[in-house]
């Protein structure tokens, strides 16, 4: 193999490795679905509670924040909304068997945003979510 071929194949291998984390991040967001009836204005997101489906949760991607937001119905009937970004180093979170796990350093959080296992030491960024006449109102700003 000549030098040029070696460098070319090495660069292609490095480029493929660089793309892999981006693909897994996209895959972790693949559970998000199109939300019909979601309205975003004045730092608030409003969506029908029916959008949460049987599992009682949905991932939304509001324009007001840079990362996806998980909206989940809690056991007591209230709602929680929090940023799917690890407070440790900013890694993306994926849901695995009802637990949120950081794809980078494997901190885990429950579906109310509370840290379960580090290295993260703080809970997820939480946004107030209230139900008003069959709609959820999430205050992002």
Protein backbone atom coordinates (compact mmCIF):
# COMPACT_ATOMS: atom_id res chain seq x y z
CA UNK A 1 0.00 0.00 0.00
CA UNK A 2 1.41 3.36 -0.96
CA UNK A 3 1.45 6.38 1.37
CA UNK A 4 -1.45 8.13 -0.37
CA UNK A 5 -3.75 5.10 -0.14
CA UNK A 6 -2.82 4.61 3.51
CA UNK A 7 -3.60 8.23 4.39
CA UNK A 8 -6.87 8.15 2.46
CA UNK A 9 -8.10 4.96 4.15
CA UNK A 10 -7.00 6.28 7.56
CA UNK A 11 -8.93 9.52 7.05
CA UNK A 12 -12.02 7.59 5.97
CA UNK A 13 -11.82 5.40 9.08
CA UNK A 14 -11.46 8.44 11.34
CA UNK A 15 -14.40 10.16 9.65
CA UNK A 16 -16.54 7.06 10.16
CA UNK A 17 -15.62 6.98 13.86
CA UNK A 18 -16.42 10.68 14.21
CA UNK A 19 -19.92 10.15 12.79
CA UNK A 20 -20.76 7.27 15.15
CA UNK A 21 -21.52 9.40 18.28
CA UNK A 22 -23.75 11.68 16.22
CA UNK A 23 -25.71 8.69 14.95
CA UNK A 24 -26.22 7.26 18.43
CA UNK A 25 -27.42 10.68 19.63
CA UNK A 26 -29.95 10.76 16.81
CA UNK A 27 -30.99 7.22 17.62
CA UNK A 28 -31.57 8.15 21.27
CA UNK A 29 -34.03 10.80 20.13
CA UNK A 30 -35.83 8.48 17.76
CA UNK A 31 -38.59 7.83 20.28
CA UNK A 32 -39.76 11.39 19.74
CA UNK A 33 -42.82 11.60 17.57
CA UNK A 34 -44.51 14.42 15.76
CA UNK A 35 -46.72 16.25 18.21
CA UNK A 36 -49.98 17.43 16.73
CA UNK A 37 -51.47 20.48 18.36
CA UNK A 38 -48.24 21.63 20.06
CA UNK A 39 -48.11 25.42 20.28
CA UNK A 40 -45.02 27.35 21.30
CA UNK A 41 -45.27 31.03 22.26
CA UNK A 42 -43.96 33.45 24.89
CA UNK A 43 -41.65 30.85 26.44
CA UNK A 44 -44.47 28.33 26.89
CA UNK A 45 -45.29 25.08 25.14
CA UNK A 46 -48.88 23.88 25.11
CA UNK A 47 -49.87 20.40 23.96
CA UNK A 48 -52.85 18.08 24.41
CA UNK A 49 -52.46 15.62 27.30
CA UNK A 50 -53.59 12.87 24.91
CA UNK A 51 -50.23 13.20 23.13
CA UNK A 52 -48.55 11.46 26.08
CA UNK A 53 -50.17 8.19 25.03
CA UNK A 54 -50.43 4.99 27.03
CA UNK A 55 -46.91 5.27 28.46
CA UNK A 56 -47.70 8.70 29.88
CA UNK A 57 -44.67 10.42 28.39
CA UNK A 58 -43.45 12.10 25.25
CA UNK A 59 -40.27 13.73 24.00
CA UNK A 60 -40.74 17.15 22.46
CA UNK A 61 -38.24 19.39 20.70
CA UNK A 62 -39.24 22.98 21.42
CA UNK A 63 -37.42 25.80 19.65
CA UNK A 64 -36.92 27.67 22.94
CA UNK A 65 -34.31 25.17 24.20
CA UNK A 66 -31.44 23.44 22.43
CA UNK A 67 -32.12 19.88 23.59
CA UNK A 68 -35.19 17.62 23.65
CA UNK A 69 -37.54 17.81 26.64
CA UNK A 70 -39.22 14.79 28.21
CA UNK A 71 -42.75 15.35 29.48
CA UNK A 72 -43.94 12.58 31.80
CA UNK A 73 -47.02 11.93 33.91
CA UNK A 74 -45.99 11.17 37.46
CA UNK A 75 -47.47 8.51 39.76
CA UNK A 76 -49.39 11.18 41.70
CA UNK A 77 -51.11 12.43 38.52
CA UNK A 78 -49.00 15.58 38.12
CA UNK A 79 -46.70 16.21 35.18
CA UNK A 80 -42.95 16.78 34.99
CA UNK A 81 -40.92 18.21 32.13
CA UNK A 82 -37.17 18.20 32.02
CA UNK A 83 -34.27 18.71 29.65
CA UNK A 84 -32.76 15.51 28.25
CA UNK A 85 -29.21 16.74 28.87
CA UNK A 86 -26.99 15.34 31.60
CA UNK A 87 -25.97 17.96 34.18
CA UNK A 88 -22.57 16.26 34.56
CA UNK A 89 -20.98 17.04 31.17
CA UNK A 90 -23.95 17.81 28.93
CA UNK A 91 -24.31 14.37 27.37
CA UNK A 92 -27.57 13.26 25.71
CA UNK A 93 -29.94 11.00 27.62
CA UNK A 94 -31.71 7.88 26.38
CA UNK A 95 -34.57 6.04 28.00
CA UNK A 96 -33.76 2.43 28.83
CA UNK A 97 -36.38 0.36 30.66
CA UNK A 98 -38.00 3.32 32.39
CA UNK A 99 -34.69 4.91 33.40
CA UNK A 100 -32.90 7.82 31.72
CA UNK A 101 -29.23 7.11 31.11
CA UNK A 102 -26.46 9.44 29.94
CA UNK A 103 -24.97 8.09 26.74
CA UNK A 104 -21.54 9.46 27.65
CA UNK A 105 -20.80 8.59 31.31
CA UNK A 106 -23.84 6.44 32.27
CA UNK A 107 -25.33 8.59 35.02
CA UNK A 108 -28.92 7.48 35.53
CA UNK A 109 -32.07 9.43 36.39
CA UNK A 110 -35.60 8.34 37.20
CA UNK A 111 -38.59 9.57 35.19
CA UNK A 112 -39.06 12.47 37.60
CA UNK A 113 -35.56 13.75 36.73
CA UNK A 114 -33.89 12.76 40.00
CA UNK A 115 -30.31 11.51 39.81
CA UNK A 116 -30.06 7.82 40.72
CA UNK A 117 -26.42 7.08 39.96
CA UNK A 118 -23.47 9.38 39.17
CA UNK A 119 -21.10 10.75 38.16
CA UNK A 120 -23.86 13.40 37.88
CA UNK A 121 -24.50 14.99 41.26
CA UNK A 122 -27.57 17.09 40.45
CA UNK A 123 -31.03 16.42 39.06
CA UNK A 124 -32.09 17.23 35.51
CA UNK A 125 -33.15 20.76 34.57
CA UNK A 126 -36.85 20.87 35.41
CA UNK A 127 -39.58 22.99 33.78
CA UNK A 128 -42.93 23.65 35.46
CA UNK A 129 -45.73 21.68 33.78
CA UNK A 130 -49.40 22.10 34.62
CA UNK A 131 -52.61 20.70 33.19
CA UNK A 132 -55.29 23.15 32.11
CA UNK A 133 -58.50 21.79 30.54
CA UNK A 134 -56.95 18.76 28.83
CA UNK A 135 -53.78 20.57 27.78
CA UNK A 136 -50.34 20.66 29.29
CA UNK A 137 -48.63 23.99 29.68
CA UNK A 138 -44.86 23.82 30.05
CA UNK A 139 -43.05 27.00 31.10
CA UNK A 140 -39.63 27.02 29.38
CA UNK A 141 -38.62 30.63 30.04
